[in-house]
Amino acid sequence: MLTKPGMVFVVEDDDSFREALGRLLRSAGLQVKLLSSAQDFLIQDVPDAPCCLVLDVKLPGLSGLDFQSELAEANIEIPIIFMTGHGTIPMTVQAMKAGALEFLTKPFRDDQLIKAIELALERDRNRLEGEKVVSALQTRFDTLTAREQEIMSFVTAGLLNKQIAAQMGISEKTVKVHRGNVTRKMGVRSVAELVRMADALGIRRVKP
């Protein structure tokens, strides 16, 4: 059982099976939303908390696999656990290649589903925590002046102060001043730490 319950969206068109899944997951301490179609999910407010999607492959209207593709195109990141009563190897391969976490064939054991959900929620929790870290770094980075941002990119590319000065057409002393500001505003104690931040922000340039 999870110590920090997450939200599990169950999309299943069979009413009795959907309700049975709801009872099972609630008994495991999970928050659950039961839906009968992919369209029903699209009108939900997805909380800013760990979530996952337990999705039947064959649904009325938009199929589970097509829905997976639509979510990817819309950049909606949510771990997906597929379930089906008529799975095929090509279907499983397609789902897993597209990023599905698990593909369960009915009837499956309760513990199989619970284990898959625990993994999915942990993965989504890590994703959310990573996004918060990057957001905090971006906030710090945005406090830098344009010149300080440029100097940070040169520093994290491995250039020395005199090389940065030559690249920017400024004095080495000026570089040192701006570099000091970067260190203070970004809250780092080493170049290695600054490099990790630049990588997280996706701003590190190749050494010229």
C-alpha atoms as a PDB file:
ATOM      1  CA  MET A   1       0.000   0.000   0.000  1.00  0.00           C
ATOM      2  CA  LEU A   2       1.228   3.468  -0.836  1.00  0.00           C
ATOM      3  CA  THR A   3       2.076   5.803   2.040  1.00  0.00           C
ATOM      4  CA  LYS A   4       1.138   8.812  -0.110  1.00  0.00           C
ATOM      5  CA  PRO A   5      -2.046   8.064  -2.081  1.00  0.00           C
ATOM      6  CA  GLY A   6      -2.128   9.285  -5.642  1.00  0.00           C
ATOM      7  CA  MET A   7      -4.953   9.747  -8.115  1.00  0.00           C
ATOM      8  CA  VAL A   8      -5.752   6.788 -10.341  1.00  0.00           C
ATOM      9  CA  PHE A   9      -7.979   7.371 -13.363  1.00  0.00           C
ATOM     10  CA  VAL A  10      -9.662   4.155 -14.462  1.00  0.00           C
ATOM     11  CA  VAL A  11     -11.120   4.240 -17.978  1.00  0.00           C
ATOM     12  CA  GLU A  12     -13.218   1.110 -18.569  1.00  0.00           C
ATOM     13  CA  ASP A  13     -16.540   0.810 -20.394  1.00  0.00           C
ATOM     14  CA  ASP A  14     -17.712  -2.349 -18.582  1.00  0.00           C
ATOM     15  CA  ASP A  15     -19.717  -0.957 -15.644  1.00  0.00           C
ATOM     16  CA  SER A  16     -19.377  -3.944 -13.301  1.00  0.00           C
ATOM     17  CA  PHE A  17     -15.649  -4.397 -13.947  1.00  0.00           C
ATOM     18  CA  ARG A  18     -15.037  -0.655 -13.548  1.00  0.00           C
ATOM     19  CA  GLU A  19     -16.803  -0.612 -10.179  1.00  0.00           C
ATOM     20  CA  ALA A  20     -14.904  -3.724  -9.055  1.00  0.00           C
ATOM     21  CA  LEU A  21     -11.614  -2.011  -9.897  1.00  0.00           C
ATOM     22  CA  GLY A  22     -12.735   1.042  -7.976  1.00  0.00           C
ATOM     23  CA  ARG A  23     -13.430  -1.012  -4.851  1.00  0.00           C
ATOM     24  CA  LEU A  24     -10.075  -2.780  -5.147  1.00  0.00           C
ATOM     25  CA  LEU A  25      -8.050   0.392  -5.531  1.00  0.00           C
ATOM     26  CA  ARG A  26      -9.877   2.242  -2.764  1.00  0.00           C
ATOM     27  CA  SER A  27      -9.206  -0.686  -0.444  1.00  0.00           C
ATOM     28  CA  ALA A  28      -5.505  -0.176  -1.236  1.00  0.00           C
ATOM     29  CA  GLY A  29      -5.733   3.420  -0.036  1.00  0.00           C
ATOM     30  CA  LEU A  30      -5.824   5.031  -3.470  1.00  0.00           C
ATOM     31  CA  GLN A  31      -7.918   7.925  -4.702  1.00  0.00           C
ATOM     32  CA  VAL A  32      -9.820   6.803  -7.776  1.00  0.00           C
ATOM     33  CA  LYS A  33     -11.837   8.392 -10.558  1.00  0.00           C
ATOM     34  CA  LEU A  34     -13.922   5.935 -12.561  1.00  0.00           C
ATOM     35  CA  LEU A  35     -14.625   6.860 -16.188  1.00  0.00           C
ATOM     36  CA  SER A  36     -16.307   5.031 -19.049  1.00  0.00           C
ATOM     37  CA  SER A  37     -14.546   6.606 -22.048  1.00  0.00           C
ATOM     38  CA  ALA A  38     -11.420   8.450 -23.143  1.00  0.00           C
ATOM     39  CA  GLN A  39     -13.543  11.530 -23.801  1.00  0.00           C
ATOM     40  CA  ASP A  40     -14.599  11.535 -20.133  1.00  0.00           C
ATOM     41  CA  PHE A  41     -10.950  11.755 -19.096  1.00  0.00           C
ATOM     42  CA  LEU A  42     -10.319  14.768 -21.321  1.00  0.00           C
ATOM     43  CA  ILE A  43     -12.841  16.891 -19.394  1.00  0.00           C
ATOM     44  CA  GLN A  44     -11.338  16.013 -16.002  1.00  0.00           C
ATOM     45  CA  ASP A  45      -9.192  18.361 -13.963  1.00  0.00           C
ATOM     46  CA  VAL A  46      -5.955  16.445 -13.514  1.00  0.00           C
ATOM     47  CA  PRO A  47      -4.510  17.420 -10.118  1.00  0.00           C
ATOM     48  CA  ASP A  48      -0.981  18.698  -9.654  1.00  0.00           C
ATOM     49  CA  ALA A  49      -0.123  15.462  -7.873  1.00  0.00           C
ATOM     50  CA  PRO A  50       1.081  11.979  -8.854  1.00  0.00           C
ATOM     51  CA  CYS A  51      -1.436  10.392 -11.230  1.00  0.00           C
ATOM     52  CA  CYS A  52      -1.716   7.407 -13.502  1.00  0.00           C
ATOM     53  CA  LEU A  53      -4.169   6.074 -16.037  1.00  0.00           C
ATOM     54  CA  VAL A  54      -5.532   2.517 -16.004  1.00  0.00           C
ATOM     55  CA  LEU A  55      -6.862   2.246 -19.522  1.00  0.00           C
ATOM     56  CA  ASP A  56      -8.840  -0.429 -21.333  1.00  0.00           C
ATOM     57  CA  VAL A  57      -7.624  -1.008 -24.881  1.00  0.00           C
ATOM     58  CA  LYS A  58     -11.065  -1.416 -26.421  1.00  0.00           C
ATOM     59  CA  LEU A  59     -13.292   1.539 -25.619  1.00  0.00           C
ATOM     60  CA  PRO A  60     -16.327   3.120 -27.273  1.00  0.00           C
ATOM     61  CA  GLY A  61     -15.303   5.959 -29.568  1.00  0.00           C
ATOM     62  CA  LEU A  62     -11.590   6.595 -29.158  1.00  0.00           C
ATOM     63  CA  SER A  63      -9.671   3.376 -28.518  1.00  0.00           C
ATOM     64  CA  GLY A  64      -7.098   3.110 -25.742  1.00  0.00           C
ATOM     65  CA  LEU A  65      -4.146   2.998 -28.146  1.00  0.00           C
ATOM     66  CA  ASP A  66      -5.427   5.971 -30.148  1.00  0.00           C
ATOM     67  CA  PHE A  67      -6.001   7.840 -26.902  1.00  0.00           C
ATOM     68  CA  GLN A  68      -2.409   7.128 -25.874  1.00  0.00           C
ATOM     69  CA  SER A  69      -1.246   8.739 -29.128  1.00  0.00           C
ATOM     70  CA  GLU A  70      -3.445  11.794 -28.572  1.00  0.00           C
ATOM     71  CA  LEU A  71      -2.090  12.311 -25.067  1.00  0.00           C
ATOM     72  CA  ALA A  72       1.478  12.130 -26.391  1.00  0.00           C
ATOM     73  CA  GLU A  73       0.726  14.651 -29.141  1.00  0.00           C
ATOM     74  CA  ALA A  74      -0.806  16.992 -26.563  1.00  0.00           C
ATOM     75  CA  ASN A  75       2.282  16.606 -24.315  1.00  0.00           C
ATOM     76  CA  ILE A  76       0.131  15.249 -21.492  1.00  0.00           C
ATOM     77  CA  GLU A  77       2.497  13.149 -19.432  1.00  0.00           C
ATOM     78  CA  ILE A  78       0.721  10.515 -17.375  1.00  0.00           C
ATOM     79  CA  PRO A  79       1.880   6.916 -16.873  1.00  0.00           C
ATOM     80  CA  ILE A  80      -0.462   4.467 -18.607  1.00  0.00           C
ATOM     81  CA  ILE A  81      -1.294   0.915 -17.568  1.00  0.00           C
ATOM     82  CA  PHE A  82      -3.214  -0.886 -20.285  1.00  0.00           C
ATOM     83  CA  MET A  83      -5.610  -3.747 -19.672  1.00  0.00           C
ATOM     84  CA  THR A  84      -7.430  -5.896 -22.214  1.00  0.00           C
ATOM     85  CA  GLY A  85      -9.292  -9.136 -22.556  1.00  0.00           C
ATOM     86  CA  HIS A  86      -8.072  -9.662 -26.104  1.00  0.00           C
ATOM     87  CA  GLY A  87      -4.435  -8.667 -26.197  1.00  0.00           C
ATOM     88  CA  THR A  88      -2.099  -9.519 -29.044  1.00  0.00           C
ATOM     89  CA  ILE A  89       1.674  -9.324 -29.243  1.00  0.00           C
ATOM     90  CA  PRO A  90       1.650  -6.516 -31.869  1.00  0.00           C
ATOM     91  CA  MET A  91      -0.808  -4.573 -29.703  1.00  0.00           C
ATOM     92  CA  THR A  92       1.384  -4.996 -26.645  1.00  0.00           C
ATOM     93  CA  VAL A  93       4.507  -3.974 -28.559  1.00  0.00           C
ATOM     94  CA  GLN A  94       2.773  -0.874 -29.927  1.00  0.00           C
ATOM     95  CA  ALA A  95       1.623   0.207 -26.472  1.00  0.00           C
ATOM     96  CA  MET A  96       4.981  -0.384 -24.786  1.00  0.00           C
ATOM     97  CA  LYS A  97       6.949   1.339 -27.564  1.00  0.00           C
ATOM     98  CA  ALA A  98       4.693   4.355 -27.135  1.00  0.00           C
ATOM     99  CA  GLY A  99       5.596   4.495 -23.460  1.00  0.00           C
ATOM    100  CA  ALA A 100       2.997   2.392 -21.645  1.00  0.00           C
ATOM    101  CA  LEU A 101       4.199   1.225 -18.255  1.00  0.00           C
ATOM    102  CA  GLU A 102       2.386  -2.112 -18.236  1.00  0.00           C
ATOM    103  CA  PHE A 103       0.053  -4.193 -20.394  1.00  0.00           C
ATOM    104  CA  LEU A 104      -2.189  -6.515 -18.363  1.00  0.00           C
ATOM    105  CA  THR A 105      -4.333  -9.226 -19.914  1.00  0.00           C
ATOM    106  CA  LYS A 106      -7.662  -9.923 -18.214  1.00  0.00           C
ATOM    107  CA  PRO A 107      -8.128 -11.697 -15.927  1.00  0.00           C
ATOM    108  CA  PHE A 108      -5.090 -10.411 -14.038  1.00  0.00           C
ATOM    109  CA  ARG A 109      -4.258 -10.730 -10.354  1.00  0.00           C
ATOM    110  CA  ASP A 110      -5.117  -7.884  -8.019  1.00  0.00           C
ATOM    111  CA  ASP A 111      -1.506  -7.624  -6.865  1.00  0.00           C
ATOM    112  CA  GLN A 112      -0.306  -7.271 -10.472  1.00  0.00           C
ATOM    113  CA  LEU A 113      -2.431  -4.176 -10.934  1.00  0.00           C
ATOM    114  CA  ILE A 114      -1.565  -2.691  -7.523  1.00  0.00           C
ATOM    115  CA  LYS A 115       2.149  -3.196  -8.137  1.00  0.00           C
ATOM    116  CA  ALA A 116       1.920  -1.560 -11.574  1.00  0.00           C
ATOM    117  CA  ILE A 117       0.018   1.398 -10.102  1.00  0.00           C
ATOM    118  CA  GLU A 118       2.565   1.852  -7.308  1.00  0.00           C
ATOM    119  CA  LEU A 119       5.325   1.993  -9.917  1.00  0.00           C
ATOM    120  CA  ALA A 120       3.336   4.391 -12.110  1.00  0.00           C
ATOM    121  CA  LEU A 121       2.600   6.789  -9.270  1.00  0.00           C
ATOM    122  CA  GLU A 122       6.211   6.721  -8.107  1.00  0.00           C
ATOM    123  CA  ARG A 123       7.355   7.516 -11.643  1.00  0.00           C
ATOM    124  CA  ASP A 124       4.906  10.408 -11.889  1.00  0.00           C
ATOM    125  CA  ARG A 125       5.941  11.660  -8.455  1.00  0.00           C
ATOM    126  CA  ASN A 126       9.571  11.737  -9.605  1.00  0.00           C
ATOM    127  CA  ARG A 127       8.562  13.575 -12.779  1.00  0.00           C
ATOM    128  CA  LEU A 128       6.686  16.228 -10.822  1.00  0.00           C
ATOM    129  CA  GLU A 129       9.549  16.689  -8.380  1.00  0.00           C
ATOM    130  CA  GLY A 130      11.957  17.052 -11.296  1.00  0.00           C
ATOM    131  CA  GLU A 131       9.742  19.682 -12.884  1.00  0.00           C
ATOM    132  CA  LYS A 132       9.639  21.643  -9.618  1.00  0.00           C
ATOM    133  CA  VAL A 133      13.429  21.565  -9.400  1.00  0.00           C
ATOM    134  CA  VAL A 134      13.789  22.819 -12.975  1.00  0.00           C
ATOM    135  CA  SER A 135      11.171  25.526 -12.348  1.00  0.00           C
ATOM    136  CA  ALA A 136      13.111  26.763  -9.315  1.00  0.00           C
ATOM    137  CA  LEU A 137      16.335  26.790 -11.332  1.00  0.00           C
ATOM    138  CA  GLN A 138      14.634  28.696 -14.140  1.00  0.00           C
ATOM    139  CA  THR A 139      13.464  31.300 -11.634  1.00  0.00           C
ATOM    140  CA  ARG A 140      17.067  31.806 -10.484  1.00  0.00           C
ATOM    141  CA  PHE A 141      18.363  31.857 -14.063  1.00  0.00           C
ATOM    142  CA  ASP A 142      15.821  34.540 -14.983  1.00  0.00           C
ATOM    143  CA  THR A 143      17.339  36.852 -12.343  1.00  0.00           C
ATOM    144  CA  LEU A 144      20.603  36.925 -14.326  1.00  0.00           C
ATOM    145  CA  THR A 145      21.212  39.738 -16.772  1.00  0.00           C
ATOM    146  CA  ALA A 146      21.618  38.816 -20.440  1.00  0.00           C
ATOM    147  CA  ARG A 147      25.396  39.163 -20.096  1.00  0.00           C
ATOM    148  CA  GLU A 148      25.471  37.022 -16.957  1.00  0.00           C
ATOM    149  CA  GLN A 149      23.449  34.346 -18.724  1.00  0.00           C
ATOM    150  CA  GLU A 150      25.930  34.379 -21.595  1.00  0.00           C
ATOM    151  CA  ILE A 151      28.865  34.118 -19.223  1.00  0.00           C
ATOM    152  CA  MET A 152      27.175  31.202 -17.426  1.00  0.00           C
ATOM    153  CA  SER A 153      26.854  29.398 -20.745  1.00  0.00           C
ATOM    154  CA  PHE A 154      30.573  29.908 -21.455  1.00  0.00           C
ATOM    155  CA  VAL A 155      31.600  28.860 -17.932  1.00  0.00           C
ATOM    156  CA  THR A 156      29.560  25.664 -18.119  1.00  0.00           C
ATOM    157  CA  ALA A 157      31.049  24.936 -21.545  1.00  0.00           C
ATOM    158  CA  GLY A 158      34.454  24.782 -19.847  1.00  0.00           C
ATOM    159  CA  LEU A 159      35.988  28.109 -20.912  1.00  0.00           C
ATOM    160  CA  LEU A 160      38.468  29.961 -18.705  1.00  0.00           C
ATOM    161  CA  ASN A 161      37.926  33.604 -17.787  1.00  0.00           C
ATOM    162  CA  LYS A 162      40.466  34.834 -20.340  1.00  0.00           C
ATOM    163  CA  GLN A 163      38.823  32.726 -23.056  1.00  0.00           C
ATOM    164  CA  ILE A 164      35.393  34.106 -22.145  1.00  0.00           C
ATOM    165  CA  ALA A 165      36.797  37.638 -22.237  1.00  0.00           C
ATOM    166  CA  ALA A 166      38.179  37.021 -25.732  1.00  0.00           C
ATOM    167  CA  GLN A 167      34.878  35.525 -26.935  1.00  0.00           C
ATOM    168  CA  MET A 168      32.835  38.451 -25.597  1.00  0.00           C
ATOM    169  CA  GLY A 169      35.290  41.263 -26.275  1.00  0.00           C
ATOM    170  CA  ILE A 170      35.411  42.396 -22.673  1.00  0.00           C
ATOM    171  CA  SER A 171      38.122  42.470 -20.008  1.00  0.00           C
ATOM    172  CA  GLU A 172      38.955  39.492 -17.849  1.00  0.00           C
ATOM    173  CA  LYS A 173      38.221  41.606 -14.795  1.00  0.00           C
ATOM    174  CA  THR A 174      34.693  42.260 -16.055  1.00  0.00           C
ATOM    175  CA  VAL A 175      34.220  38.542 -16.641  1.00  0.00           C
ATOM    176  CA  LYS A 176      35.233  37.860 -13.029  1.00  0.00           C
ATOM    177  CA  VAL A 177      32.695  40.382 -11.739  1.00  0.00           C
ATOM    178  CA  HIS A 178      29.854  38.914 -13.808  1.00  0.00           C
ATOM    179  CA  ARG A 179      30.929  35.378 -12.954  1.00  0.00           C
ATOM    180  CA  GLY A 180      30.761  36.264  -9.273  1.00  0.00           C
ATOM    181  CA  ASN A 181      27.226  37.548  -9.775  1.00  0.00           C
ATOM    182  CA  VAL A 182      26.268  34.300 -11.510  1.00  0.00           C
ATOM    183  CA  THR A 183      27.660  32.234  -8.643  1.00  0.00           C
ATOM    184  CA  ARG A 184      25.787  34.318  -6.076  1.00  0.00           C
ATOM    185  CA  LYS A 185      22.453  34.476  -7.886  1.00  0.00           C
ATOM    186  CA  MET A 186      22.443  30.779  -8.821  1.00  0.00           C
ATOM    187  CA  GLY A 187      23.514  29.813  -5.297  1.00  0.00           C
ATOM    188  CA  VAL A 188      26.378  27.521  -6.301  1.00  0.00           C
ATOM    189  CA  ARG A 189      29.767  26.769  -4.806  1.00  0.00           C
ATOM    190  CA  SER A 190      31.446  25.059  -7.741  1.00  0.00           C
ATOM    191  CA  VAL A 191      31.551  24.962 -11.526  1.00  0.00           C
ATOM    192  CA  ALA A 192      30.385  21.333 -11.418  1.00  0.00           C
ATOM    193  CA  GLU A 193      27.220  22.414  -9.637  1.00  0.00           C
ATOM    194  CA  LEU A 194      26.655  25.150 -12.193  1.00  0.00           C
ATOM    195  CA  VAL A 195      27.153  22.632 -15.005  1.00  0.00           C
ATOM    196  CA  ARG A 196      24.470  20.367 -13.544  1.00  0.00           C
ATOM    197  CA  MET A 197      22.102  23.320 -13.417  1.00  0.00           C
ATOM    198  CA  ALA A 198      22.842  24.255 -17.019  1.00  0.00           C
ATOM    199  CA  ASP A 199      22.187  20.670 -18.095  1.00  0.00           C
ATOM    200  CA  ALA A 200      18.875  20.622 -16.226  1.00  0.00           C
ATOM    201  CA  LEU A 201      17.866  23.869 -17.919  1.00  0.00           C
ATOM    202  CA  GLY A 202      19.077  22.665 -21.316  1.00  0.00           C
ATOM    203  CA  ILE A 203      21.270  25.728 -21.855  1.00  0.00           C
ATOM    204  CA  ARG A 204      24.783  24.312 -21.811  1.00  0.00           C
ATOM    205  CA  ARG A 205      26.561  25.033 -25.075  1.00  0.00           C
ATOM    206  CA  VAL A 206      29.311  23.063 -26.764  1.00  0.00           C
ATOM    207  CA  LYS A 207      32.776  24.454 -26.090  1.00  0.00           C
ATOM    208  CA  PRO A 208      33.707  26.703 -29.034  1.00  0.00           C
END
